[in-house]
Amino acid sequence: MHQRILFVMFSALLALTGCTFERDGPPAYHYAEFKSREPNGNTVFVCHAYGCQMQTPVRFGAEQIKEISDLMRKTKKADTAFEERRAVAYAIGWMERYTGEKVGTSADRPGMDYDGSGDPTQQDCVDEATNTTSYLLILANNGLLKHHTVGRPFSKGNILLGVSNWPHWTAVLWETANKQKWAVDSWIYVNGENPVVIEAEKWYTKDLNNMPAPRA
Protein backbone atom coordinates (compact mmCIF):
# COMPACT_ATOMS: atom_id res chain seq x y z
CA MET A 1 0.00 0.00 0.00
CA HIS A 2 2.80 2.37 0.88
CA GLN A 3 5.00 1.62 -2.13
CA ARG A 4 3.30 4.29 -4.22
CA ILE A 5 3.69 6.85 -1.43
CA LEU A 6 7.38 5.99 -1.14
CA PHE A 7 7.72 6.45 -4.90
CA VAL A 8 6.07 9.86 -4.70
CA MET A 9 8.35 10.88 -1.84
CA PHE A 10 11.41 9.63 -3.70
CA SER A 11 10.37 11.50 -6.83
CA ALA A 12 9.93 14.66 -4.80
CA LEU A 13 13.33 14.31 -3.19
CA LEU A 14 14.94 14.30 -6.62
CA ALA A 15 14.18 18.02 -6.70
CA LEU A 16 16.35 18.84 -3.71
CA THR A 17 19.29 20.11 -5.71
CA GLY A 18 17.03 22.32 -7.82
CA CYS A 19 13.87 23.90 -6.53
CA THR A 20 11.83 23.22 -9.66
CA PHE A 21 11.06 19.62 -10.61
CA GLU A 22 10.20 20.15 -14.28
CA ARG A 23 8.58 17.57 -16.51
CA ASP A 24 8.63 17.73 -20.30
CA GLY A 25 6.24 16.03 -22.68
CA PRO A 26 2.47 15.49 -22.75
CA PRO A 27 0.21 14.77 -19.75
CA ALA A 28 0.30 11.06 -20.66
CA TYR A 29 3.82 10.89 -19.25
CA HIS A 30 2.53 12.02 -15.84
CA TYR A 31 -0.09 9.28 -15.77
CA ALA A 32 2.55 6.69 -16.65
CA GLU A 33 4.94 8.02 -14.01
CA PHE A 34 2.39 7.75 -11.22
CA LYS A 35 0.69 4.61 -12.54
CA SER A 36 -2.62 6.42 -12.90
CA ARG A 37 -5.21 6.29 -15.67
CA GLU A 38 -5.88 8.94 -18.28
CA PRO A 39 -9.49 9.96 -18.99
CA ASN A 40 -11.38 7.62 -21.28
CA GLY A 41 -13.91 9.66 -23.20
CA ASN A 42 -15.68 11.67 -20.51
CA THR A 43 -14.76 9.24 -17.75
CA VAL A 44 -12.04 10.24 -15.30
CA PHE A 45 -10.30 7.95 -12.83
CA VAL A 46 -10.23 10.01 -9.66
CA CYS A 47 -7.06 9.59 -7.62
CA HIS A 48 -7.43 9.49 -3.84
CA ALA A 49 -5.90 7.95 -0.71
CA TYR A 50 -2.59 9.71 -1.55
CA GLY A 51 -0.26 9.04 -4.45
CA CYS A 52 -3.14 7.66 -6.56
CA GLN A 53 -3.26 4.57 -4.36
CA MET A 54 -6.97 4.41 -5.19
CA GLN A 55 -8.50 5.32 -8.56
CA THR A 56 -12.28 5.44 -8.93
CA PRO A 57 -14.01 5.98 -12.28
CA VAL A 58 -16.51 8.84 -12.57
CA ARG A 59 -18.27 9.69 -15.81
CA PHE A 60 -19.39 13.15 -16.83
CA GLY A 61 -22.54 12.54 -18.84
CA ALA A 62 -24.07 14.83 -21.44
CA GLU A 63 -26.03 16.65 -18.73
CA GLN A 64 -22.89 17.36 -16.70
CA ILE A 65 -20.90 18.50 -19.75
CA LYS A 66 -23.69 20.90 -20.65
CA GLU A 67 -23.77 22.26 -17.11
CA ILE A 68 -20.00 22.79 -17.15
CA SER A 69 -20.20 24.45 -20.57
CA ASP A 70 -23.02 26.74 -19.42
CA LEU A 71 -21.08 27.64 -16.27
CA MET A 72 -17.98 28.57 -18.26
CA ARG A 73 -19.99 30.60 -20.76
CA LYS A 74 -21.76 32.54 -17.98
CA THR A 75 -18.52 33.13 -16.12
CA LYS A 76 -16.53 34.53 -19.05
CA LYS A 77 -16.94 38.27 -19.51
CA ALA A 78 -14.94 38.35 -22.74
CA ASP A 79 -13.28 36.03 -25.24
CA THR A 80 -9.81 36.33 -23.73
CA ALA A 81 -7.24 33.99 -22.23
CA PHE A 82 -7.65 35.69 -18.84
CA GLU A 83 -11.41 35.15 -18.82
CA GLU A 84 -10.98 31.57 -20.01
CA ARG A 85 -8.71 30.87 -17.02
CA ARG A 86 -11.33 32.40 -14.76
CA ALA A 87 -13.99 30.15 -16.29
CA VAL A 88 -11.69 27.14 -15.99
CA ALA A 89 -11.31 27.78 -12.26
CA TYR A 90 -15.08 27.69 -11.81
CA ALA A 91 -15.34 24.54 -13.93
CA ILE A 92 -12.64 22.74 -11.95
CA GLY A 93 -14.33 23.64 -8.68
CA TRP A 94 -17.63 22.29 -10.02
CA MET A 95 -16.04 19.08 -11.29
CA GLU A 96 -14.24 18.49 -8.00
CA ARG A 97 -17.50 18.85 -6.08
CA TYR A 98 -19.23 16.48 -8.49
CA THR A 99 -16.58 13.78 -8.25
CA GLY A 100 -16.21 14.32 -4.51
CA GLU A 101 -19.82 13.32 -4.00
CA LYS A 102 -19.36 10.21 -6.15
CA VAL A 103 -16.03 9.08 -4.72
CA GLY A 104 -16.39 10.17 -1.10
CA THR A 105 -13.74 12.90 -1.09
CA SER A 106 -16.12 15.79 -0.40
CA ALA A 107 -14.59 16.10 3.07
CA ASP A 108 -11.01 16.14 1.78
CA ARG A 109 -9.02 18.38 4.08
CA PRO A 110 -6.93 21.16 2.53
CA GLY A 111 -3.19 20.80 2.28
CA MET A 112 -1.06 18.00 3.68
CA ASP A 113 -2.45 15.71 6.37
CA TYR A 114 0.12 13.18 7.52
CA ASP A 115 -2.68 10.83 8.64
CA GLY A 116 -4.24 10.92 5.18
CA SER A 117 -2.19 8.24 3.44
CA GLY A 118 -4.45 5.30 2.64
CA ASP A 119 -7.58 7.20 3.68
CA PRO A 120 -9.99 7.01 0.69
CA THR A 121 -11.59 10.33 1.67
CA GLN A 122 -8.32 12.28 1.41
CA GLN A 123 -6.17 13.55 -1.47
CA ASP A 124 -2.56 14.72 -1.56
CA CYS A 125 -0.98 17.04 -4.11
CA VAL A 126 -0.25 14.18 -6.53
CA ASP A 127 -3.91 13.13 -6.42
CA GLU A 128 -5.04 16.73 -6.90
CA ALA A 129 -2.60 17.54 -9.70
CA THR A 130 -3.55 14.31 -11.50
CA ASN A 131 -7.29 14.85 -11.08
CA THR A 132 -7.13 18.49 -12.13
CA THR A 133 -5.18 17.46 -15.23
CA SER A 134 -7.93 14.93 -15.99
CA TYR A 135 -10.62 17.59 -15.59
CA LEU A 136 -8.70 19.96 -17.85
CA LEU A 137 -8.43 17.23 -20.49
CA ILE A 138 -12.20 16.71 -20.31
CA LEU A 139 -12.65 20.45 -20.93
CA ALA A 140 -10.23 20.32 -23.86
CA ASN A 141 -11.78 17.21 -25.36
CA ASN A 142 -15.21 18.85 -25.29
CA GLY A 143 -14.00 21.99 -27.07
CA LEU A 144 -14.14 24.19 -23.98
CA LEU A 145 -10.53 25.42 -24.15
CA LYS A 146 -9.75 27.92 -26.90
CA HIS A 147 -6.79 29.86 -25.53
CA HIS A 148 -4.96 27.09 -23.66
CA THR A 149 -3.63 23.56 -23.93
CA VAL A 150 -3.18 21.08 -21.09
CA GLY A 151 0.38 20.49 -19.93
CA ARG A 152 2.21 17.91 -17.87
CA PRO A 153 2.17 18.56 -14.09
CA PHE A 154 5.35 19.76 -12.43
CA SER A 155 6.51 20.48 -8.90
CA LYS A 156 8.47 23.01 -6.89
CA GLY A 157 9.98 22.90 -3.46
CA ASN A 158 13.07 22.28 -1.41
CA ILE A 159 12.75 20.17 1.74
CA LEU A 160 16.04 21.60 2.96
CA LEU A 161 14.06 24.79 3.70
CA GLY A 162 11.56 22.97 5.91
CA VAL A 163 8.22 21.16 5.69
CA SER A 164 6.43 24.22 4.29
CA ASN A 165 8.70 23.91 1.26
CA TRP A 166 8.11 20.21 0.66
CA PRO A 167 8.06 19.50 -3.11
CA HIS A 168 4.50 20.08 -4.25
CA TRP A 169 2.76 19.18 -7.53
CA THR A 170 0.33 21.18 -9.64
CA ALA A 171 -1.61 20.81 -12.86
CA VAL A 172 -0.58 23.00 -15.80
CA LEU A 173 -2.15 25.04 -18.57
CA TRP A 174 -0.15 26.55 -21.44
CA GLU A 175 -1.45 29.78 -22.94
CA THR A 176 -1.28 29.26 -26.69
CA ALA A 177 -0.68 32.87 -27.75
CA ASN A 178 2.42 33.54 -25.68
CA LYS A 179 3.45 30.10 -24.34
CA GLN A 180 2.95 31.28 -20.77
CA LYS A 181 2.81 28.40 -18.30
CA TRP A 182 0.05 28.55 -15.67
CA ALA A 183 -0.24 26.51 -12.47
CA VAL A 184 -3.76 25.30 -11.66
CA ASP A 185 -3.70 24.22 -8.02
CA SER A 186 -6.66 22.88 -6.00
CA TRP A 187 -4.70 21.14 -3.25
CA ILE A 188 -4.31 24.04 -0.83
CA TYR A 189 -8.06 24.59 -0.49
CA VAL A 190 -11.00 22.50 0.72
CA ASN A 191 -12.71 20.22 -1.76
CA GLY A 192 -14.61 22.07 -4.47
CA GLU A 193 -13.20 25.57 -3.99
CA ASN A 194 -12.00 27.28 -7.14
CA PRO A 195 -8.31 26.50 -7.63
CA VAL A 196 -5.67 29.18 -7.77
CA VAL A 197 -4.56 29.86 -11.36
CA ILE A 198 -1.25 31.69 -11.40
CA GLU A 199 1.86 32.08 -13.56
CA ALA A 200 4.05 29.05 -12.95
CA GLU A 201 7.05 31.17 -12.05
CA LYS A 202 5.04 32.93 -9.31
CA TRP A 203 3.45 29.76 -7.96
CA TYR A 204 4.76 28.49 -4.63
CA THR A 205 7.72 30.86 -4.75
CA LYS A 206 8.19 30.85 -0.97
CA ASP A 207 5.67 28.57 0.70
CA LEU A 208 2.03 27.56 0.39
CA ASN A 209 0.95 30.00 3.11
CA ASN A 210 1.77 32.86 0.73
CA MET A 211 -0.36 31.57 -2.13
CA PRO A 212 -3.17 33.88 -3.33
CA ALA A 213 -6.81 33.25 -2.54
CA PRO A 214 -8.89 31.06 -4.87
CA ARG A 215 -9.89 32.76 -8.11
CA ALA A 216 -13.23 34.54 -7.62
C-alpha atoms as a PDB file:
ATOM      1  CA  MET A   1       0.000   0.000   0.000  1.00  0.00           C
ATOM      2  CA  HIS A   2       2.802   2.373   0.875  1.00  0.00           C
ATOM      3  CA  GLN A   3       5.003   1.615  -2.126  1.00  0.00           C
ATOM      4  CA  ARG A   4       3.299   4.292  -4.215  1.00  0.00           C
ATOM      5  CA  ILE A   5       3.689   6.853  -1.427  1.00  0.00           C
ATOM      6  CA  LEU A   6       7.382   5.991  -1.137  1.00  0.00           C
ATOM      7  CA  PHE A   7       7.720   6.452  -4.899  1.00  0.00           C
ATOM      8  CA  VAL A   8       6.068   9.857  -4.698  1.00  0.00           C
ATOM      9  CA  MET A   9       8.349  10.884  -1.841  1.00  0.00           C
ATOM     10  CA  PHE A  10      11.414   9.627  -3.699  1.00  0.00           C
ATOM     11  CA  SER A  11      10.372  11.497  -6.828  1.00  0.00           C
ATOM     12  CA  ALA A  12       9.933  14.660  -4.801  1.00  0.00           C
ATOM     13  CA  LEU A  13      13.331  14.313  -3.191  1.00  0.00           C
ATOM     14  CA  LEU A  14      14.936  14.305  -6.621  1.00  0.00           C
ATOM     15  CA  ALA A  15      14.184  18.017  -6.696  1.00  0.00           C
ATOM     16  CA  LEU A  16      16.355  18.840  -3.705  1.00  0.00           C
ATOM     17  CA  THR A  17      19.294  20.108  -5.715  1.00  0.00           C
ATOM     18  CA  GLY A  18      17.030  22.323  -7.825  1.00  0.00           C
ATOM     19  CA  CYS A  19      13.869  23.896  -6.525  1.00  0.00           C
ATOM     20  CA  THR A  20      11.835  23.216  -9.656  1.00  0.00           C
ATOM     21  CA  PHE A  21      11.062  19.624 -10.606  1.00  0.00           C
ATOM     22  CA  GLU A  22      10.199  20.151 -14.282  1.00  0.00           C
ATOM     23  CA  ARG A  23       8.582  17.566 -16.506  1.00  0.00           C
ATOM     24  CA  ASP A  24       8.631  17.733 -20.298  1.00  0.00           C
ATOM     25  CA  GLY A  25       6.241  16.035 -22.679  1.00  0.00           C
ATOM     26  CA  PRO A  26       2.469  15.487 -22.746  1.00  0.00           C
ATOM     27  CA  PRO A  27       0.209  14.773 -19.747  1.00  0.00           C
ATOM     28  CA  ALA A  28       0.300  11.055 -20.660  1.00  0.00           C
ATOM     29  CA  TYR A  29       3.821  10.887 -19.246  1.00  0.00           C
ATOM     30  CA  HIS A  30       2.533  12.022 -15.842  1.00  0.00           C
ATOM     31  CA  TYR A  31      -0.086   9.279 -15.775  1.00  0.00           C
ATOM     32  CA  ALA A  32       2.546   6.692 -16.649  1.00  0.00           C
ATOM     33  CA  GLU A  33       4.942   8.023 -14.011  1.00  0.00           C
ATOM     34  CA  PHE A  34       2.385   7.754 -11.220  1.00  0.00           C
ATOM     35  CA  LYS A  35       0.686   4.609 -12.542  1.00  0.00           C
ATOM     36  CA  SER A  36      -2.621   6.419 -12.899  1.00  0.00           C
ATOM     37  CA  ARG A  37      -5.208   6.285 -15.670  1.00  0.00           C
ATOM     38  CA  GLU A  38      -5.884   8.937 -18.277  1.00  0.00           C
ATOM     39  CA  PRO A  39      -9.489   9.958 -18.989  1.00  0.00           C
ATOM     40  CA  ASN A  40     -11.379   7.617 -21.276  1.00  0.00           C
ATOM     41  CA  GLY A  41     -13.910   9.657 -23.203  1.00  0.00           C
ATOM     42  CA  ASN A  42     -15.684  11.670 -20.513  1.00  0.00           C
ATOM     43  CA  THR A  43     -14.760   9.236 -17.748  1.00  0.00           C
ATOM     44  CA  VAL A  44     -12.040  10.237 -15.304  1.00  0.00           C
ATOM     45  CA  PHE A  45     -10.301   7.952 -12.833  1.00  0.00           C
ATOM     46  CA  VAL A  46     -10.233  10.006  -9.662  1.00  0.00           C
ATOM     47  CA  CYS A  47      -7.058   9.589  -7.623  1.00  0.00           C
ATOM     48  CA  HIS A  48      -7.432   9.487  -3.843  1.00  0.00           C
ATOM     49  CA  ALA A  49      -5.899   7.952  -0.712  1.00  0.00           C
ATOM     50  CA  TYR A  50      -2.585   9.713  -1.548  1.00  0.00           C
ATOM     51  CA  GLY A  51      -0.258   9.044  -4.446  1.00  0.00           C
ATOM     52  CA  CYS A  52      -3.141   7.656  -6.561  1.00  0.00           C
ATOM     53  CA  GLN A  53      -3.262   4.567  -4.359  1.00  0.00           C
ATOM     54  CA  MET A  54      -6.973   4.407  -5.192  1.00  0.00           C
ATOM     55  CA  GLN A  55      -8.502   5.322  -8.558  1.00  0.00           C
ATOM     56  CA  THR A  56     -12.278   5.437  -8.932  1.00  0.00           C
ATOM     57  CA  PRO A  57     -14.012   5.979 -12.282  1.00  0.00           C
ATOM     58  CA  VAL A  58     -16.506   8.844 -12.570  1.00  0.00           C
ATOM     59  CA  ARG A  59     -18.274   9.694 -15.809  1.00  0.00           C
ATOM     60  CA  PHE A  60     -19.389  13.151 -16.834  1.00  0.00           C
ATOM     61  CA  GLY A  61     -22.538  12.540 -18.841  1.00  0.00           C
ATOM     62  CA  ALA A  62     -24.072  14.831 -21.441  1.00  0.00           C
ATOM     63  CA  GLU A  63     -26.026  16.652 -18.725  1.00  0.00           C
ATOM     64  CA  GLN A  64     -22.887  17.362 -16.697  1.00  0.00           C
ATOM     65  CA  ILE A  65     -20.896  18.498 -19.751  1.00  0.00           C
ATOM     66  CA  LYS A  66     -23.688  20.901 -20.647  1.00  0.00           C
ATOM     67  CA  GLU A  67     -23.766  22.258 -17.105  1.00  0.00           C
ATOM     68  CA  ILE A  68     -20.005  22.789 -17.148  1.00  0.00           C
ATOM     69  CA  SER A  69     -20.201  24.449 -20.566  1.00  0.00           C
ATOM     70  CA  ASP A  70     -23.017  26.741 -19.421  1.00  0.00           C
ATOM     71  CA  LEU A  71     -21.084  27.636 -16.269  1.00  0.00           C
ATOM     72  CA  MET A  72     -17.983  28.570 -18.257  1.00  0.00           C
ATOM     73  CA  ARG A  73     -19.995  30.600 -20.759  1.00  0.00           C
ATOM     74  CA  LYS A  74     -21.757  32.544 -17.983  1.00  0.00           C
ATOM     75  CA  THR A  75     -18.517  33.133 -16.121  1.00  0.00           C
ATOM     76  CA  LYS A  76     -16.535  34.528 -19.048  1.00  0.00           C
ATOM     77  CA  LYS A  77     -16.944  38.270 -19.508  1.00  0.00           C
ATOM     78  CA  ALA A  78     -14.938  38.354 -22.738  1.00  0.00           C
ATOM     79  CA  ASP A  79     -13.282  36.027 -25.240  1.00  0.00           C
ATOM     80  CA  THR A  80      -9.808  36.333 -23.732  1.00  0.00           C
ATOM     81  CA  ALA A  81      -7.239  33.991 -22.228  1.00  0.00           C
ATOM     82  CA  PHE A  82      -7.647  35.691 -18.840  1.00  0.00           C
ATOM     83  CA  GLU A  83     -11.411  35.148 -18.819  1.00  0.00           C
ATOM     84  CA  GLU A  84     -10.977  31.574 -20.008  1.00  0.00           C
ATOM     85  CA  ARG A  85      -8.713  30.866 -17.024  1.00  0.00           C
ATOM     86  CA  ARG A  86     -11.334  32.398 -14.758  1.00  0.00           C
ATOM     87  CA  ALA A  87     -13.994  30.148 -16.294  1.00  0.00           C
ATOM     88  CA  VAL A  88     -11.691  27.136 -15.988  1.00  0.00           C
ATOM     89  CA  ALA A  89     -11.308  27.782 -12.256  1.00  0.00           C
ATOM     90  CA  TYR A  90     -15.082  27.691 -11.811  1.00  0.00           C
ATOM     91  CA  ALA A  91     -15.335  24.543 -13.932  1.00  0.00           C
ATOM     92  CA  ILE A  92     -12.636  22.735 -11.950  1.00  0.00           C
ATOM     93  CA  GLY A  93     -14.326  23.641  -8.678  1.00  0.00           C
ATOM     94  CA  TRP A  94     -17.626  22.288 -10.015  1.00  0.00           C
ATOM     95  CA  MET A  95     -16.036  19.077 -11.291  1.00  0.00           C
ATOM     96  CA  GLU A  96     -14.245  18.488  -7.998  1.00  0.00           C
ATOM     97  CA  ARG A  97     -17.498  18.854  -6.081  1.00  0.00           C
ATOM     98  CA  TYR A  98     -19.232  16.477  -8.488  1.00  0.00           C
ATOM     99  CA  THR A  99     -16.578  13.776  -8.254  1.00  0.00           C
ATOM    100  CA  GLY A 100     -16.212  14.316  -4.514  1.00  0.00           C
ATOM    101  CA  GLU A 101     -19.822  13.319  -4.000  1.00  0.00           C
ATOM    102  CA  LYS A 102     -19.357  10.212  -6.150  1.00  0.00           C
ATOM    103  CA  VAL A 103     -16.028   9.083  -4.720  1.00  0.00           C
ATOM    104  CA  GLY A 104     -16.394  10.175  -1.105  1.00  0.00           C
ATOM    105  CA  THR A 105     -13.735  12.898  -1.093  1.00  0.00           C
ATOM    106  CA  SER A 106     -16.117  15.786  -0.400  1.00  0.00           C
ATOM    107  CA  ALA A 107     -14.595  16.105   3.075  1.00  0.00           C
ATOM    108  CA  ASP A 108     -11.014  16.143   1.783  1.00  0.00           C
ATOM    109  CA  ARG A 109      -9.019  18.384   4.084  1.00  0.00           C
ATOM    110  CA  PRO A 110      -6.928  21.160   2.528  1.00  0.00           C
ATOM    111  CA  GLY A 111      -3.187  20.804   2.277  1.00  0.00           C
ATOM    112  CA  MET A 112      -1.063  18.000   3.681  1.00  0.00           C
ATOM    113  CA  ASP A 113      -2.446  15.706   6.367  1.00  0.00           C
ATOM    114  CA  TYR A 114       0.117  13.182   7.520  1.00  0.00           C
ATOM    115  CA  ASP A 115      -2.682  10.833   8.637  1.00  0.00           C
ATOM    116  CA  GLY A 116      -4.241  10.915   5.180  1.00  0.00           C
ATOM    117  CA  SER A 117      -2.192   8.244   3.437  1.00  0.00           C
ATOM    118  CA  GLY A 118      -4.446   5.300   2.642  1.00  0.00           C
ATOM    119  CA  ASP A 119      -7.580   7.198   3.679  1.00  0.00           C
ATOM    120  CA  PRO A 120      -9.989   7.006   0.695  1.00  0.00           C
ATOM    121  CA  THR A 121     -11.592  10.329   1.674  1.00  0.00           C
ATOM    122  CA  GLN A 122      -8.324  12.281   1.406  1.00  0.00           C
ATOM    123  CA  GLN A 123      -6.174  13.550  -1.469  1.00  0.00           C
ATOM    124  CA  ASP A 124      -2.563  14.715  -1.562  1.00  0.00           C
ATOM    125  CA  CYS A 125      -0.984  17.037  -4.112  1.00  0.00           C
ATOM    126  CA  VAL A 126      -0.247  14.181  -6.527  1.00  0.00           C
ATOM    127  CA  ASP A 127      -3.907  13.134  -6.418  1.00  0.00           C
ATOM    128  CA  GLU A 128      -5.045  16.730  -6.899  1.00  0.00           C
ATOM    129  CA  ALA A 129      -2.605  17.536  -9.702  1.00  0.00           C
ATOM    130  CA  THR A 130      -3.547  14.314 -11.500  1.00  0.00           C
ATOM    131  CA  ASN A 131      -7.287  14.848 -11.078  1.00  0.00           C
ATOM    132  CA  THR A 132      -7.134  18.494 -12.131  1.00  0.00           C
ATOM    133  CA  THR A 133      -5.184  17.458 -15.228  1.00  0.00           C
ATOM    134  CA  SER A 134      -7.926  14.926 -15.994  1.00  0.00           C
ATOM    135  CA  TYR A 135     -10.619  17.585 -15.592  1.00  0.00           C
ATOM    136  CA  LEU A 136      -8.698  19.958 -17.848  1.00  0.00           C
ATOM    137  CA  LEU A 137      -8.430  17.230 -20.487  1.00  0.00           C
ATOM    138  CA  ILE A 138     -12.196  16.714 -20.311  1.00  0.00           C
ATOM    139  CA  LEU A 139     -12.650  20.445 -20.932  1.00  0.00           C
ATOM    140  CA  ALA A 140     -10.227  20.324 -23.857  1.00  0.00           C
ATOM    141  CA  ASN A 141     -11.778  17.209 -25.363  1.00  0.00           C
ATOM    142  CA  ASN A 142     -15.206  18.854 -25.294  1.00  0.00           C
ATOM    143  CA  GLY A 143     -13.997  21.991 -27.069  1.00  0.00           C
ATOM    144  CA  LEU A 144     -14.144  24.187 -23.978  1.00  0.00           C
ATOM    145  CA  LEU A 145     -10.532  25.418 -24.153  1.00  0.00           C
ATOM    146  CA  LYS A 146      -9.754  27.921 -26.904  1.00  0.00           C
ATOM    147  CA  HIS A 147      -6.791  29.857 -25.526  1.00  0.00           C
ATOM    148  CA  HIS A 148      -4.955  27.091 -23.657  1.00  0.00           C
ATOM    149  CA  THR A 149      -3.629  23.558 -23.935  1.00  0.00           C
ATOM    150  CA  VAL A 150      -3.178  21.084 -21.090  1.00  0.00           C
ATOM    151  CA  GLY A 151       0.383  20.485 -19.931  1.00  0.00           C
ATOM    152  CA  ARG A 152       2.211  17.908 -17.868  1.00  0.00           C
ATOM    153  CA  PRO A 153       2.171  18.556 -14.093  1.00  0.00           C
ATOM    154  CA  PHE A 154       5.351  19.756 -12.435  1.00  0.00           C
ATOM    155  CA  SER A 155       6.509  20.478  -8.899  1.00  0.00           C
ATOM    156  CA  LYS A 156       8.470  23.006  -6.893  1.00  0.00           C
ATOM    157  CA  GLY A 157       9.978  22.897  -3.459  1.00  0.00           C
ATOM    158  CA  ASN A 158      13.067  22.278  -1.405  1.00  0.00           C
ATOM    159  CA  ILE A 159      12.746  20.168   1.740  1.00  0.00           C
ATOM    160  CA  LEU A 160      16.040  21.602   2.965  1.00  0.00           C
ATOM    161  CA  LEU A 161      14.063  24.785   3.696  1.00  0.00           C
ATOM    162  CA  GLY A 162      11.557  22.965   5.914  1.00  0.00           C
ATOM    163  CA  VAL A 163       8.225  21.162   5.689  1.00  0.00           C
ATOM    164  CA  SER A 164       6.427  24.222   4.294  1.00  0.00           C
ATOM    165  CA  ASN A 165       8.704  23.913   1.257  1.00  0.00           C
ATOM    166  CA  TRP A 166       8.115  20.209   0.660  1.00  0.00           C
ATOM    167  CA  PRO A 167       8.060  19.496  -3.106  1.00  0.00           C
ATOM    168  CA  HIS A 168       4.496  20.083  -4.246  1.00  0.00           C
ATOM    169  CA  TRP A 169       2.763  19.176  -7.532  1.00  0.00           C
ATOM    170  CA  THR A 170       0.332  21.182  -9.640  1.00  0.00           C
ATOM    171  CA  ALA A 171      -1.612  20.807 -12.864  1.00  0.00           C
ATOM    172  CA  VAL A 172      -0.576  22.998 -15.798  1.00  0.00           C
ATOM    173  CA  LEU A 173      -2.152  25.038 -18.575  1.00  0.00           C
ATOM    174  CA  TRP A 174      -0.152  26.553 -21.436  1.00  0.00           C
ATOM    175  CA  GLU A 175      -1.453  29.777 -22.935  1.00  0.00           C
ATOM    176  CA  THR A 176      -1.282  29.255 -26.693  1.00  0.00           C
ATOM    177  CA  ALA A 177      -0.678  32.871 -27.748  1.00  0.00           C
ATOM    178  CA  ASN A 178       2.424  33.542 -25.684  1.00  0.00           C
ATOM    179  CA  LYS A 179       3.445  30.098 -24.337  1.00  0.00           C
ATOM    180  CA  GLN A 180       2.955  31.284 -20.771  1.00  0.00           C
ATOM    181  CA  LYS A 181       2.811  28.396 -18.303  1.00  0.00           C
ATOM    182  CA  TRP A 182       0.051  28.554 -15.674  1.00  0.00           C
ATOM    183  CA  ALA A 183      -0.237  26.510 -12.474  1.00  0.00           C
ATOM    184  CA  VAL A 184      -3.763  25.302 -11.657  1.00  0.00           C
ATOM    185  CA  ASP A 185      -3.704  24.223  -8.015  1.00  0.00           C
ATOM    186  CA  SER A 186      -6.659  22.884  -5.996  1.00  0.00           C
ATOM    187  CA  TRP A 187      -4.704  21.138  -3.251  1.00  0.00           C
ATOM    188  CA  ILE A 188      -4.305  24.039  -0.830  1.00  0.00           C
ATOM    189  CA  TYR A 189      -8.065  24.589  -0.489  1.00  0.00           C
ATOM    190  CA  VAL A 190     -11.003  22.501   0.716  1.00  0.00           C
ATOM    191  CA  ASN A 191     -12.708  20.225  -1.761  1.00  0.00           C
ATOM    192  CA  GLY A 192     -14.610  22.068  -4.472  1.00  0.00           C
ATOM    193  CA  GLU A 193     -13.198  25.567  -3.987  1.00  0.00           C
ATOM    194  CA  ASN A 194     -11.998  27.278  -7.136  1.00  0.00           C
ATOM    195  CA  PRO A 195      -8.309  26.502  -7.632  1.00  0.00           C
ATOM    196  CA  VAL A 196      -5.672  29.178  -7.773  1.00  0.00           C
ATOM    197  CA  VAL A 197      -4.564  29.862 -11.357  1.00  0.00           C
ATOM    198  CA  ILE A 198      -1.247  31.690 -11.402  1.00  0.00           C
ATOM    199  CA  GLU A 199       1.856  32.083 -13.559  1.00  0.00           C
ATOM    200  CA  ALA A 200       4.051  29.052 -12.951  1.00  0.00           C
ATOM    201  CA  GLU A 201       7.053  31.171 -12.045  1.00  0.00           C
ATOM    202  CA  LYS A 202       5.036  32.931  -9.313  1.00  0.00           C
ATOM    203  CA  TRP A 203       3.445  29.760  -7.963  1.00  0.00           C
ATOM    204  CA  TYR A 204       4.756  28.486  -4.627  1.00  0.00           C
ATOM    205  CA  THR A 205       7.723  30.861  -4.746  1.00  0.00           C
ATOM    206  CA  LYS A 206       8.187  30.853  -0.967  1.00  0.00           C
ATOM    207  CA  ASP A 207       5.670  28.574   0.701  1.00  0.00           C
ATOM    208  CA  LEU A 208       2.030  27.564   0.395  1.00  0.00           C
ATOM    209  CA  ASN A 209       0.950  30.005   3.105  1.00  0.00           C
ATOM    210  CA  ASN A 210       1.770  32.857   0.730  1.00  0.00           C
ATOM    211  CA  MET A 211      -0.363  31.572  -2.126  1.00  0.00           C
ATOM    212  CA  PRO A 212      -3.165  33.884  -3.333  1.00  0.00           C
ATOM    213  CA  ALA A 213      -6.808  33.246  -2.543  1.00  0.00           C
ATOM    214  CA  PRO A 214      -8.895  31.055  -4.869  1.00  0.00           C
ATOM    215  CA  ARG A 215      -9.886  32.760  -8.109  1.00  0.00           C
ATOM    216  CA  ALA A 216     -13.226  34.539  -7.615  1.00  0.00           C
END
